[in-house]
């Protein structure tokens, strides 16, 4: 699988981010969602389909309760 070109995507942090460098950033592009560590913007990126992203978010939200 080839890595997607993420050079022109707009990365966003949560409005709850405190700026302490322990954040993730997300970007939506095409029909995919990318996630990266804000401390390492040139590091690895996880790429999800919309369905897989929804499942991931529901899963981690459930674990926090």
C-alpha atoms as a PDB file:
ATOM      1  CA  UNK A   1       0.000   0.000   0.000  1.00  0.00           C
ATOM      2  CA  UNK A   2       1.381   3.395  -0.958  1.00  0.00           C
ATOM      3  CA  UNK A   3       1.417   6.239   1.546  1.00  0.00           C
ATOM      4  CA  UNK A   4      -1.084   8.983   0.732  1.00  0.00           C
ATOM      5  CA  UNK A   5       0.168  12.453  -0.175  1.00  0.00           C
ATOM      6  CA  UNK A   6      -0.659  14.542   2.890  1.00  0.00           C
ATOM      7  CA  UNK A   7       1.345  17.613   1.913  1.00  0.00           C
ATOM      8  CA  UNK A   8      -1.681  19.844   1.351  1.00  0.00           C
ATOM      9  CA  UNK A   9      -4.089  18.642   4.032  1.00  0.00           C
ATOM     10  CA  UNK A  10      -5.168  20.869   6.907  1.00  0.00           C
ATOM     11  CA  UNK A  11      -4.372  19.301  10.271  1.00  0.00           C
ATOM     12  CA  UNK A  12      -6.614  20.122  13.233  1.00  0.00           C
ATOM     13  CA  UNK A  13      -6.177  19.725  16.986  1.00  0.00           C
ATOM     14  CA  UNK A  14      -8.995  19.390  19.464  1.00  0.00           C
ATOM     15  CA  UNK A  15     -10.320  22.593  20.979  1.00  0.00           C
ATOM     16  CA  UNK A  16      -9.612  20.858  24.307  1.00  0.00           C
ATOM     17  CA  UNK A  17      -5.906  20.681  23.507  1.00  0.00           C
ATOM     18  CA  UNK A  18      -3.893  22.375  26.223  1.00  0.00           C
ATOM     19  CA  UNK A  19      -0.825  22.983  24.073  1.00  0.00           C
ATOM     20  CA  UNK A  20       1.426  20.772  26.199  1.00  0.00           C
ATOM     21  CA  UNK A  21       2.562  18.760  23.184  1.00  0.00           C
ATOM     22  CA  UNK A  22       0.611  15.624  24.021  1.00  0.00           C
ATOM     23  CA  UNK A  23      -1.991  15.916  21.296  1.00  0.00           C
ATOM     24  CA  UNK A  24      -3.105  14.152  18.208  1.00  0.00           C
ATOM     25  CA  UNK A  25      -4.094  15.952  15.043  1.00  0.00           C
ATOM     26  CA  UNK A  26      -6.586  14.821  12.435  1.00  0.00           C
ATOM     27  CA  UNK A  27      -7.021  15.658   8.781  1.00  0.00           C
ATOM     28  CA  UNK A  28      -9.808  14.715   6.427  1.00  0.00           C
ATOM     29  CA  UNK A  29      -8.897  14.197   2.792  1.00  0.00           C
ATOM     30  CA  UNK A  30     -10.775  12.513   0.006  1.00  0.00           C
ATOM     31  CA  UNK A  31     -12.660   9.657   1.605  1.00  0.00           C
ATOM     32  CA  UNK A  32     -10.177   9.116   4.438  1.00  0.00           C
ATOM     33  CA  UNK A  33      -9.199  10.444   7.865  1.00  0.00           C
ATOM     34  CA  UNK A  34      -5.549  10.730   8.913  1.00  0.00           C
ATOM     35  CA  UNK A  35      -4.240  10.932  12.491  1.00  0.00           C
ATOM     36  CA  UNK A  36      -0.756  11.945  13.647  1.00  0.00           C
ATOM     37  CA  UNK A  37       1.141  12.913  16.788  1.00  0.00           C
ATOM     38  CA  UNK A  38       1.458  16.696  17.068  1.00  0.00           C
ATOM     39  CA  UNK A  39       4.970  16.335  18.549  1.00  0.00           C
ATOM     40  CA  UNK A  40       6.177  14.536  15.420  1.00  0.00           C
ATOM     41  CA  UNK A  41       4.431  16.022  12.365  1.00  0.00           C
ATOM     42  CA  UNK A  42       6.810  14.198  10.014  1.00  0.00           C
ATOM     43  CA  UNK A  43       6.366  10.885  11.798  1.00  0.00           C
ATOM     44  CA  UNK A  44       3.980   8.018  11.157  1.00  0.00           C
ATOM     45  CA  UNK A  45       0.359   8.651  10.225  1.00  0.00           C
ATOM     46  CA  UNK A  46      -2.629   6.375  10.732  1.00  0.00           C
ATOM     47  CA  UNK A  47      -5.152   6.488   7.881  1.00  0.00           C
ATOM     48  CA  UNK A  48      -8.749   5.347   8.367  1.00  0.00           C
ATOM     49  CA  UNK A  49     -11.779   4.940   6.151  1.00  0.00           C
ATOM     50  CA  UNK A  50     -14.771   6.888   7.505  1.00  0.00           C
ATOM     51  CA  UNK A  51     -16.343   3.683   8.853  1.00  0.00           C
ATOM     52  CA  UNK A  52     -13.145   2.546  10.550  1.00  0.00           C
ATOM     53  CA  UNK A  53     -12.656   6.046  12.024  1.00  0.00           C
ATOM     54  CA  UNK A  54     -16.192   6.018  13.469  1.00  0.00           C
ATOM     55  CA  UNK A  55     -15.588   2.583  14.997  1.00  0.00           C
ATOM     56  CA  UNK A  56     -12.252   3.734  16.449  1.00  0.00           C
ATOM     57  CA  UNK A  57     -13.757   6.882  18.007  1.00  0.00           C
ATOM     58  CA  UNK A  58     -16.689   4.950  19.496  1.00  0.00           C
ATOM     59  CA  UNK A  59     -14.278   2.370  20.886  1.00  0.00           C
ATOM     60  CA  UNK A  60     -12.009   4.858  22.641  1.00  0.00           C
ATOM     61  CA  UNK A  61     -14.982   6.907  23.850  1.00  0.00           C
ATOM     62  CA  UNK A  62     -16.469   3.790  25.446  1.00  0.00           C
ATOM     63  CA  UNK A  63     -13.211   3.001  27.240  1.00  0.00           C
ATOM     64  CA  UNK A  64     -13.103   6.432  28.894  1.00  0.00           C
ATOM     65  CA  UNK A  65     -16.442   5.883  30.672  1.00  0.00           C
END
